[in-house]
Amino acid sequence: MPQTLLRKECVVKMKYTPVHSREVRGKRVHETAEERLSKQKSEGCTLELLVESAKTEFLVPTVENFVETEHVKKLKDRVKLWVKAGCPLQIVGPTGCGKTTLAMEVAKELGRPTVWINGDEQMTTTDLIGGYSEMEAQSVRDKYIHNVMIARDKTKFSWVDNPLTIACKYGYTLVYNGFSRSKPEANNVLLSVLEERILELPTMFGDKRYIKVHPDFTIILTSNCIEYAGIHKPQDALLDRIVDIYMDYYDYETELKIAQAHTHLPVGEVEKVVEAVRTIREKMPEPYKPGTRAEIMICQGLKALGRDRSKESIEQMYMDVLATKIGDQKELLKKSDLIQAVIKESYGDFPE
């Protein structure tokens, strides 16, 4: 008879025990949203602190001795109207007429943090949006397992935001001073910002490449007239998205109050300076016309000179301030004759 084989099935439960007490080294690189919020609260991180940090990093200039006459108020209200309408705008005017001061005053009255950038010939898109500022290399060698070595090299690039990116992210006001001094190709990034309300960061990857512009984002540009040296004509596609407010020199009353607010000279002395500069302005071609800034500088020079004045010293002071745009000796003599004639008319025989 064949033998009957009895098979018994059994389940063996194995219990694993660690052969050594290994500690996990390192920590997670990324924080969750809850962890970031908790960290900010514990460190006392507030919007006010972030604003102060932005002001410190980008050195936003402050407006001092701002004078508001009826002339200035009308101009300021026009700027604020277009800001309220959500339209980007450009203040265009001759040099020294007060464009930048007006833009900064409007930005301050909006009540939002302000970031600032100056345009120039070397301006690039990176200066506007930011870029990679440093590279960090990490090297890991895992030797926990006998006879096995795991090597891993990691390179990390750190991105730093520049003014345009900061303003778009957080809804700040961006004052772009000297916009027309930048080459058009540097400002191409503004096309999608002003139309589609999307900021593209060309050197970023993945979902970080595009930033949705904050609803409170505001941009105010200031530019000189195209006749000035070092000025570039912006591309038509960008101008089509911008409201232009053309600004001329202020009226006599406004320039008088501005010069006096900056220098605190007696009204009679300031009147002579303003009258003389305005007369010279009428007799000179557009790129060479002196502005309100020239009146302030002459008043500051007179204040430093004190009572030790003579006709020659006053003429020389005017010449030093107003002769900055001279091409050759012939132009210098011509302007000198004009200044002497205007000073004689404004000051008379004072002082001899």
Protein backbone atom coordinates (compact mmCIF):
# COMPACT_ATOMS: atom_id res chain seq x y z
CA MET A 1 0.00 0.00 0.00
CA PRO A 2 1.28 3.40 -0.75
CA GLN A 3 2.06 5.39 2.20
CA THR A 4 -0.06 8.38 2.86
CA LEU A 5 1.98 11.54 3.34
CA LEU A 6 0.56 13.96 5.76
CA ARG A 7 1.42 17.56 5.00
CA LYS A 8 1.17 20.12 7.71
CA GLU A 9 1.21 23.75 6.77
CA CYS A 10 2.62 26.15 9.26
CA VAL A 11 3.08 29.92 9.26
CA VAL A 12 6.35 31.21 10.56
CA LYS A 13 6.28 34.78 11.85
CA MET A 14 9.67 36.42 11.76
CA LYS A 15 10.54 39.23 14.08
CA TYR A 16 13.18 41.70 13.00
CA THR A 17 15.27 43.45 15.56
CA PRO A 18 17.74 46.26 14.80
CA VAL A 19 21.36 45.21 15.02
CA HIS A 20 22.40 48.79 15.95
CA SER A 21 20.72 52.02 17.04
CA ARG A 22 21.11 54.20 13.95
CA GLU A 23 20.01 57.82 14.17
CA VAL A 24 18.48 59.60 11.18
CA ARG A 25 20.62 62.56 10.30
CA GLY A 26 19.55 65.72 8.48
CA LYS A 27 16.10 67.25 8.08
CA ARG A 28 13.54 68.11 5.46
CA VAL A 29 14.51 70.98 3.20
CA HIS A 30 11.01 72.33 2.48
CA GLU A 31 8.59 73.71 5.03
CA THR A 32 4.84 73.32 4.90
CA ALA A 33 2.60 76.40 4.77
CA GLU A 34 1.57 75.81 8.38
CA GLU A 35 5.20 75.59 9.48
CA ARG A 36 6.11 78.84 7.67
CA LEU A 37 3.15 80.68 9.20
CA SER A 38 4.02 79.41 12.67
CA LYS A 39 7.66 80.42 12.19
CA GLN A 40 6.72 83.94 11.06
CA LYS A 41 4.44 84.40 14.06
CA SER A 42 7.11 83.19 16.48
CA GLU A 43 9.70 85.53 14.94
CA GLY A 44 7.31 88.49 14.92
CA CYS A 45 7.46 88.83 11.13
CA THR A 46 4.90 91.43 10.07
CA LEU A 47 4.08 93.35 6.88
CA GLU A 48 5.64 96.46 8.42
CA LEU A 49 8.94 94.64 8.91
CA LEU A 50 8.87 93.40 5.30
CA VAL A 51 8.25 96.94 4.08
CA GLU A 52 11.15 98.31 6.11
CA SER A 53 13.37 95.53 4.75
CA ALA A 54 12.46 96.48 1.17
CA LYS A 55 13.14 100.16 1.87
CA THR A 56 16.54 99.32 3.32
CA GLU A 57 17.53 97.02 0.46
CA PHE A 58 16.48 99.30 -2.40
CA LEU A 59 17.07 102.70 -0.72
CA VAL A 60 13.77 104.27 -1.71
CA PRO A 61 14.23 108.08 -1.70
CA THR A 62 11.92 110.15 0.46
CA VAL A 63 10.12 113.31 -0.64
CA GLU A 64 11.10 116.35 1.39
CA ASN A 65 9.76 119.91 1.17
CA PHE A 66 6.98 118.92 -1.22
CA VAL A 67 5.04 122.04 -2.21
CA GLU A 68 1.44 121.75 -3.32
CA THR A 69 -0.01 124.74 -5.14
CA GLU A 70 -3.09 124.74 -7.34
CA HIS A 71 -0.86 123.98 -10.34
CA VAL A 72 0.75 120.99 -8.61
CA LYS A 73 -2.56 119.68 -7.25
CA LYS A 74 -4.17 119.57 -10.69
CA LEU A 75 -1.20 117.62 -12.06
CA LYS A 76 -1.12 115.26 -9.08
CA ASP A 77 -4.87 114.59 -9.35
CA ARG A 78 -4.43 113.62 -13.01
CA VAL A 79 -1.76 111.08 -12.06
CA LYS A 80 -3.86 109.65 -9.22
CA LEU A 81 -6.89 109.39 -11.50
CA TRP A 82 -5.09 107.05 -13.90
CA VAL A 83 -3.60 105.07 -11.03
CA LYS A 84 -7.12 104.60 -9.65
CA ALA A 85 -8.28 103.49 -13.11
CA GLY A 86 -5.60 100.77 -13.01
CA CYS A 87 -3.61 102.15 -15.94
CA PRO A 88 0.20 102.25 -15.98
CA LEU A 89 1.41 105.78 -16.64
CA GLN A 90 4.48 107.70 -17.70
CA ILE A 91 5.29 111.27 -16.66
CA VAL A 92 7.21 112.90 -19.50
CA GLY A 93 8.86 116.30 -19.29
CA PRO A 94 12.07 118.34 -19.45
CA THR A 95 14.88 117.73 -17.02
CA GLY A 96 14.63 119.38 -13.61
CA CYS A 97 10.90 120.12 -13.80
CA GLY A 98 9.89 117.91 -10.83
CA LYS A 99 8.76 114.64 -12.45
CA THR A 100 10.45 112.34 -9.95
CA THR A 101 9.27 114.30 -6.91
CA LEU A 102 5.70 114.19 -8.19
CA ALA A 103 5.88 110.44 -8.84
CA MET A 104 7.27 109.74 -5.35
CA GLU A 105 4.63 111.93 -3.69
CA VAL A 106 1.82 110.12 -5.51
CA ALA A 107 3.35 106.74 -4.57
CA LYS A 108 3.50 107.81 -0.92
CA GLU A 109 -0.13 108.92 -0.92
CA LEU A 110 -1.26 105.56 -2.34
CA GLY A 111 -0.37 104.04 1.02
CA ARG A 112 1.38 100.99 -0.43
CA PRO A 113 5.07 100.12 -0.06
CA THR A 114 7.22 101.61 -2.83
CA VAL A 115 10.21 100.11 -4.64
CA TRP A 116 12.48 102.17 -6.85
CA ILE A 117 14.76 101.63 -9.80
CA ASN A 118 16.83 103.98 -12.00
CA GLY A 119 17.09 103.36 -15.71
CA ASP A 120 20.39 103.72 -17.57
CA GLU A 121 22.19 102.64 -20.73
CA GLN A 122 23.40 99.37 -19.15
CA MET A 123 20.01 98.30 -17.79
CA THR A 124 19.08 94.66 -18.51
CA THR A 125 16.03 92.51 -17.84
CA THR A 126 17.88 90.93 -14.93
CA ASP A 127 18.14 94.33 -13.23
CA LEU A 128 14.34 94.46 -13.29
CA ILE A 129 13.29 90.92 -12.42
CA GLY A 130 16.28 89.47 -10.55
CA GLY A 131 18.56 86.48 -11.06
CA TYR A 132 20.73 83.83 -9.50
CA SER A 133 23.06 85.50 -7.05
CA GLU A 134 25.06 82.57 -5.72
CA MET A 135 25.74 78.86 -6.14
CA GLU A 136 25.93 76.38 -3.29
CA ALA A 137 27.49 72.94 -3.79
CA GLN A 138 26.67 70.04 -1.43
CA SER A 139 28.50 66.73 -1.30
CA VAL A 140 27.10 63.68 0.58
CA ARG A 141 29.01 60.46 1.30
CA ASP A 142 26.97 57.61 2.83
CA LYS A 143 29.21 54.98 4.53
CA TYR A 144 26.67 53.33 6.82
CA ILE A 145 26.70 50.02 4.93
CA HIS A 146 29.90 48.02 4.99
CA ASN A 147 31.75 47.89 1.68
CA VAL A 148 29.18 50.17 0.04
CA MET A 149 29.67 53.90 -0.51
CA ILE A 150 26.97 56.15 -1.94
CA ALA A 151 28.17 59.48 -3.30
CA ARG A 152 25.81 62.29 -4.25
CA ASP A 153 26.69 65.83 -5.41
CA LYS A 154 24.07 68.56 -5.46
CA THR A 155 24.34 72.13 -6.75
CA LYS A 156 21.84 74.70 -5.51
CA PHE A 157 21.30 78.13 -7.06
CA SER A 158 19.82 80.96 -5.01
CA TRP A 159 17.41 83.33 -6.76
CA VAL A 160 17.14 86.98 -5.66
CA ASP A 161 14.16 89.14 -6.64
CA ASN A 162 14.72 92.63 -8.02
CA PRO A 163 12.24 95.57 -7.83
CA LEU A 164 9.82 94.58 -10.62
CA THR A 165 9.38 91.05 -9.28
CA ILE A 166 8.90 92.28 -5.71
CA ALA A 167 6.29 94.83 -6.80
CA CYS A 168 4.40 92.26 -8.89
CA LYS A 169 4.40 89.63 -6.14
CA TYR A 170 3.27 91.80 -3.25
CA GLY A 171 1.32 94.59 -4.92
CA TYR A 172 3.85 97.34 -4.27
CA THR A 173 4.19 100.58 -6.22
CA LEU A 174 7.15 100.59 -8.60
CA VAL A 175 8.66 103.96 -9.51
CA TYR A 176 10.83 103.48 -12.60
CA ASN A 177 12.85 106.68 -12.77
CA GLY A 178 14.59 107.52 -16.05
CA PHE A 179 12.59 104.92 -17.98
CA SER A 180 13.59 106.43 -21.34
CA ARG A 181 17.30 106.10 -20.48
CA SER A 182 17.02 102.29 -20.68
CA LYS A 183 17.32 100.43 -23.97
CA PRO A 184 13.97 99.11 -25.28
CA GLU A 185 15.02 95.45 -25.14
CA ALA A 186 15.53 95.67 -21.37
CA ASN A 187 11.86 96.60 -20.92
CA ASN A 188 10.29 93.87 -23.07
CA VAL A 189 9.39 92.00 -19.88
CA LEU A 190 6.88 94.76 -19.10
CA LEU A 191 4.67 93.85 -22.09
CA SER A 192 3.03 90.84 -20.46
CA VAL A 193 2.99 92.53 -17.06
CA LEU A 194 0.93 95.47 -18.33
CA GLU A 195 -1.38 93.52 -20.65
CA GLU A 196 -1.83 89.91 -19.45
CA ARG A 197 -0.84 90.73 -15.85
CA ILE A 198 1.72 87.93 -15.94
CA LEU A 199 5.42 88.34 -15.13
CA GLU A 200 7.69 85.86 -16.86
CA LEU A 201 11.05 85.00 -15.31
CA PRO A 202 12.96 83.63 -18.33
CA THR A 203 15.74 81.90 -16.38
CA MET A 204 13.41 80.12 -13.94
CA PHE A 205 11.98 76.64 -14.51
CA GLY A 206 8.69 74.87 -13.92
CA ASP A 207 5.78 76.58 -12.19
CA LYS A 208 8.11 79.27 -10.80
CA ARG A 209 8.68 80.69 -14.28
CA TYR A 210 5.42 82.68 -14.23
CA ILE A 211 4.10 85.04 -11.56
CA LYS A 212 0.55 86.36 -11.49
CA VAL A 213 0.70 90.12 -10.95
CA HIS A 214 -0.85 91.27 -7.67
CA PRO A 215 -4.08 93.30 -8.11
CA ASP A 216 -2.57 96.24 -6.19
CA PHE A 217 0.55 96.45 -8.38
CA THR A 218 1.12 99.98 -9.68
CA ILE A 219 3.89 101.30 -11.93
CA ILE A 220 4.81 104.96 -12.48
CA LEU A 221 7.45 105.79 -15.09
CA THR A 222 9.33 109.07 -15.48
CA SER A 223 11.05 110.04 -18.72
CA ASN A 224 12.78 112.99 -20.33
CA CYS A 225 11.74 114.33 -23.69
CA ILE A 226 13.22 112.57 -26.70
CA GLU A 227 15.39 115.60 -27.58
CA TYR A 228 17.75 114.98 -24.65
CA ALA A 229 21.04 113.12 -24.97
CA GLY A 230 21.09 109.48 -23.85
CA ILE A 231 17.36 109.00 -24.40
CA HIS A 232 15.91 105.91 -26.13
CA LYS A 233 12.50 105.78 -27.77
CA PRO A 234 10.47 102.94 -26.19
CA GLN A 235 8.90 100.31 -28.43
CA ASP A 236 5.45 101.19 -29.80
CA ALA A 237 3.89 98.03 -28.33
CA LEU A 238 4.82 99.19 -24.84
CA LEU A 239 3.75 102.81 -25.39
CA ASP A 240 0.37 101.48 -26.54
CA ARG A 241 -0.17 100.08 -23.03
CA ILE A 242 0.84 103.25 -21.13
CA VAL A 243 -0.90 106.55 -20.40
CA ASP A 244 1.42 109.53 -21.00
CA ILE A 245 1.14 112.70 -18.93
CA TYR A 246 3.24 115.51 -20.37
CA MET A 247 4.58 117.86 -17.75
CA ASP A 248 6.08 121.30 -18.36
CA TYR A 249 7.91 123.62 -15.96
CA TYR A 250 5.84 124.85 -13.03
CA ASP A 251 4.35 128.33 -12.94
CA TYR A 252 6.10 131.26 -11.22
CA GLU A 253 4.26 130.89 -7.90
CA THR A 254 5.05 127.20 -7.59
CA GLU A 255 8.74 127.57 -8.46
CA LEU A 256 9.04 130.42 -5.95
CA LYS A 257 7.56 128.33 -3.13
CA ILE A 258 9.66 125.27 -4.02
CA ALA A 259 12.96 127.21 -4.02
CA GLN A 260 12.09 128.92 -0.74
CA ALA A 261 11.02 125.64 0.92
CA HIS A 262 14.38 124.05 0.07
CA THR A 263 16.62 126.97 1.07
CA HIS A 264 14.61 129.18 3.49
CA LEU A 265 16.07 132.32 1.93
CA PRO A 266 14.11 135.59 2.22
CA VAL A 267 11.31 135.84 -0.34
CA GLY A 268 12.90 138.89 -2.00
CA GLU A 269 16.13 137.02 -2.80
CA VAL A 270 14.31 133.95 -4.07
CA GLU A 271 12.13 136.10 -6.32
CA LYS A 272 15.20 137.52 -8.08
CA VAL A 273 16.60 134.04 -8.69
CA VAL A 274 13.34 132.62 -10.03
CA GLU A 275 12.74 135.62 -12.28
CA ALA A 276 16.28 135.47 -13.67
CA VAL A 277 16.19 131.71 -14.36
CA ARG A 278 12.76 131.90 -16.00
CA THR A 279 13.99 134.74 -18.25
CA ILE A 280 17.05 132.72 -19.26
CA ARG A 281 14.81 129.70 -19.88
CA GLU A 282 12.72 131.63 -22.41
CA LYS A 283 15.82 132.60 -24.41
CA MET A 284 17.34 129.11 -24.71
CA PRO A 285 16.47 126.07 -26.89
CA GLU A 286 14.64 123.11 -25.34
CA PRO A 287 17.48 120.76 -24.31
CA TYR A 288 19.38 123.62 -22.62
CA LYS A 289 16.55 125.23 -20.64
CA PRO A 290 17.26 125.42 -16.88
CA GLY A 291 14.61 123.91 -14.61
CA THR A 292 13.42 124.27 -11.04
CA ARG A 293 16.44 122.33 -9.83
CA ALA A 294 18.73 125.09 -11.14
CA GLU A 295 16.79 127.69 -9.13
CA ILE A 296 17.21 125.64 -5.96
CA MET A 297 20.96 125.22 -6.54
CA ILE A 298 21.50 128.95 -7.11
CA CYS A 299 19.56 129.76 -3.94
CA GLN A 300 21.68 127.25 -2.03
CA GLY A 301 24.82 128.90 -3.40
CA LEU A 302 23.62 132.36 -2.36
CA LYS A 303 22.85 131.06 1.10
CA ALA A 304 26.34 129.58 1.41
CA LEU A 305 27.88 132.80 0.10
CA GLY A 306 26.18 134.83 2.83
CA ARG A 307 26.46 138.60 2.74
CA ASP A 308 29.89 138.59 1.14
CA ARG A 309 28.49 139.07 -2.36
CA SER A 310 29.45 141.07 -5.37
CA LYS A 311 28.10 141.39 -8.89
CA GLU A 312 30.96 139.23 -10.15
CA SER A 313 30.37 136.48 -7.55
CA ILE A 314 26.66 136.32 -8.37
CA GLU A 315 27.35 136.15 -12.11
CA GLN A 316 29.88 133.38 -11.55
CA MET A 317 27.41 131.44 -9.41
CA TYR A 318 24.77 131.59 -12.13
CA MET A 319 27.36 130.59 -14.69
CA ASP A 320 28.52 127.59 -12.66
CA VAL A 321 24.97 126.26 -12.38
CA LEU A 322 23.68 127.08 -15.86
CA ALA A 323 26.77 126.32 -17.95
CA THR A 324 26.61 122.54 -17.48
CA LYS A 325 25.32 121.95 -21.04
CA ILE A 326 27.98 123.85 -22.97
CA GLY A 327 29.58 122.32 -26.05
CA ASP A 328 32.46 124.71 -26.72
CA GLN A 329 34.01 128.07 -25.78
CA LYS A 330 31.79 129.96 -28.23
CA GLU A 331 28.63 128.68 -26.53
CA LEU A 332 30.14 129.52 -23.14
CA LEU A 333 30.71 133.16 -24.09
CA LYS A 334 27.24 133.43 -25.57
CA LYS A 335 25.61 132.09 -22.41
CA SER A 336 27.83 134.31 -20.26
CA ASP A 337 26.62 137.41 -22.11
CA LEU A 338 23.01 136.29 -21.64
CA ILE A 339 23.49 135.69 -17.91
CA GLN A 340 25.12 139.08 -17.40
CA ALA A 341 22.28 140.85 -19.19
CA VAL A 342 19.59 138.99 -17.23
CA ILE A 343 21.29 139.58 -13.87
CA LYS A 344 21.58 143.28 -14.62
CA GLU A 345 17.88 143.34 -15.41
CA SER A 346 16.87 141.36 -12.31
CA TYR A 347 19.34 142.80 -9.76
CA GLY A 348 19.90 146.26 -11.20
CA ASP A 349 23.00 147.80 -9.67
CA PHE A 350 22.93 145.38 -6.69
CA PRO A 351 25.45 144.69 -5.37
CA GLU A 352 28.41 146.82 -6.36
